[in-house]
Amino acid sequence: MVECTISLDAAFGSLADPTRRDILRRVTDSELSVGEIAAPYPLTFAAVSKHLKILEHAKLIVKRRQGKQQMVQVSPEALKDVSDYLQQYQRLWEGRLDALENYFKQEQLKKREG
């Protein structure tokens, strides 16, 4: 359980930064080289590399070497862990929203009858 908590802490910590969230979104669409990842950001290559190291430490991305380039892709296993964790809250909010919907329906019925 502690290992899962540490993994989630690293994942959520890395996702707290908008640049890292954007990088993750982009590599979810397709595998990109580090240079392709760095290109649209007004950051130094070193700063982008730090962001990638944080994402890699959280196991949200994986890197592989292809010739002289490092290629980056999303790691679906880590995202599944995050998704599984968040599903408990999704069920909670769906239940609350369903209850709110029922409340409003009852109030509308009361207004029509009264």
Protein backbone atom coordinates (compact mmCIF):
# COMPACT_ATOMS: atom_id res chain seq x y z
CA MET A 1 0.00 0.00 0.00
CA VAL A 2 2.86 2.40 0.80
CA GLU A 3 4.38 1.82 -2.65
CA CYS A 4 1.05 2.65 -4.28
CA THR A 5 0.80 5.85 -2.21
CA ILE A 6 4.32 6.88 -3.18
CA SER A 7 3.50 6.20 -6.83
CA LEU A 8 0.33 8.28 -6.63
CA ASP A 9 2.15 11.08 -4.80
CA ALA A 10 4.75 11.23 -7.57
CA ALA A 11 2.09 11.11 -10.28
CA PHE A 12 -0.07 13.85 -8.78
CA GLY A 13 2.98 15.93 -7.91
CA SER A 14 4.21 15.79 -11.47
CA LEU A 15 0.75 16.58 -12.83
CA ALA A 16 0.55 19.71 -10.66
CA ASP A 17 2.59 21.60 -13.25
CA PRO A 18 0.79 22.82 -16.41
CA THR A 19 3.84 22.30 -18.63
CA ARG A 20 4.14 18.68 -17.53
CA ARG A 21 0.41 18.12 -18.06
CA ASP A 22 0.77 19.52 -21.56
CA ILE A 23 3.80 17.34 -22.29
CA LEU A 24 1.89 14.30 -21.08
CA ARG A 25 -1.09 15.22 -23.26
CA ARG A 26 1.15 15.58 -26.30
CA VAL A 27 2.96 12.26 -25.84
CA THR A 28 -0.39 10.57 -25.28
CA ASP A 29 -1.25 11.40 -28.88
CA SER A 30 2.04 10.11 -30.31
CA GLU A 31 5.61 9.25 -29.41
CA LEU A 32 7.82 12.34 -29.70
CA SER A 33 11.54 13.06 -29.53
CA VAL A 34 12.80 15.25 -26.72
CA GLY A 35 13.53 17.96 -29.31
CA GLU A 36 9.95 17.80 -30.61
CA ILE A 37 8.66 18.05 -27.07
CA ALA A 38 10.86 21.06 -26.26
CA ALA A 39 10.13 23.01 -29.46
CA PRO A 40 6.85 24.78 -28.55
CA TYR A 41 7.87 25.85 -25.04
CA PRO A 42 9.62 29.12 -24.19
CA LEU A 43 11.96 27.13 -21.93
CA THR A 44 15.54 26.03 -22.14
CA PHE A 45 16.23 22.48 -23.25
CA ALA A 46 17.54 21.81 -19.72
CA ALA A 47 14.25 22.99 -18.18
CA VAL A 48 12.24 20.70 -20.47
CA SER A 49 14.60 17.84 -19.59
CA LYS A 50 13.87 18.44 -15.89
CA HIS A 51 10.15 18.26 -16.58
CA LEU A 52 10.69 14.99 -18.44
CA LYS A 53 12.75 13.56 -15.57
CA ILE A 54 9.94 14.34 -13.14
CA LEU A 55 7.38 12.67 -15.41
CA GLU A 56 9.70 9.70 -15.86
CA HIS A 57 10.29 9.40 -12.11
CA ALA A 58 6.51 9.31 -11.64
CA LYS A 59 6.42 6.56 -14.29
CA LEU A 60 3.99 8.59 -16.39
CA ILE A 61 6.31 8.46 -19.41
CA VAL A 62 8.99 6.14 -20.72
CA LYS A 63 12.02 7.07 -22.78
CA ARG A 64 13.86 4.97 -25.30
CA ARG A 65 16.84 5.68 -27.47
CA GLN A 66 16.41 5.69 -31.25
CA GLY A 67 19.74 6.46 -32.85
CA LYS A 68 20.85 9.81 -31.46
CA GLN A 69 17.38 10.78 -30.29
CA GLN A 70 15.53 10.00 -27.11
CA MET A 71 11.92 9.14 -27.81
CA VAL A 72 9.22 9.72 -25.21
CA GLN A 73 5.84 8.04 -24.92
CA VAL A 74 3.12 7.81 -22.30
CA SER A 75 3.11 4.92 -19.84
CA PRO A 76 -0.50 3.68 -19.71
CA GLU A 77 0.09 1.58 -16.56
CA ALA A 78 0.76 4.64 -14.40
CA LEU A 79 -2.25 6.46 -15.79
CA LYS A 80 -4.40 3.44 -14.95
CA ASP A 81 -3.29 3.65 -11.31
CA VAL A 82 -4.25 7.34 -11.20
CA SER A 83 -7.56 6.62 -12.92
CA ASP A 84 -8.37 3.79 -10.51
CA TYR A 85 -7.71 6.10 -7.57
CA LEU A 86 -9.90 8.86 -8.98
CA GLN A 87 -12.81 6.54 -9.80
CA GLN A 88 -13.80 6.35 -6.14
CA TYR A 89 -14.33 10.12 -6.17
CA GLN A 90 -16.13 9.97 -9.49
CA ARG A 91 -18.64 7.54 -7.98
CA LEU A 92 -19.07 9.83 -4.98
CA TRP A 93 -19.78 12.89 -7.15
CA GLU A 94 -22.07 10.99 -9.50
CA GLY A 95 -24.10 9.86 -6.49
CA ARG A 96 -24.31 13.40 -5.19
CA LEU A 97 -25.29 14.78 -8.58
CA ASP A 98 -27.96 12.09 -8.94
CA ALA A 99 -29.33 13.05 -5.52
CA LEU A 100 -29.34 16.72 -6.52
CA GLU A 101 -31.16 15.90 -9.76
CA ASN A 102 -33.80 13.95 -7.81
CA TYR A 103 -34.20 16.85 -5.39
CA PHE A 104 -34.84 19.30 -8.23
CA LYS A 105 -37.34 16.93 -9.85
CA GLN A 106 -39.23 16.65 -6.55
CA GLU A 107 -39.22 20.42 -6.15
CA GLN A 108 -40.63 20.85 -9.66
CA LEU A 109 -43.37 18.34 -8.89
CA LYS A 110 -44.25 20.21 -5.69
CA LYS A 111 -44.51 23.50 -7.60
CA ARG A 112 -46.78 21.94 -10.20
CA GLU A 113 -49.01 20.34 -7.55
CA GLY A 114 -49.03 23.32 -5.23
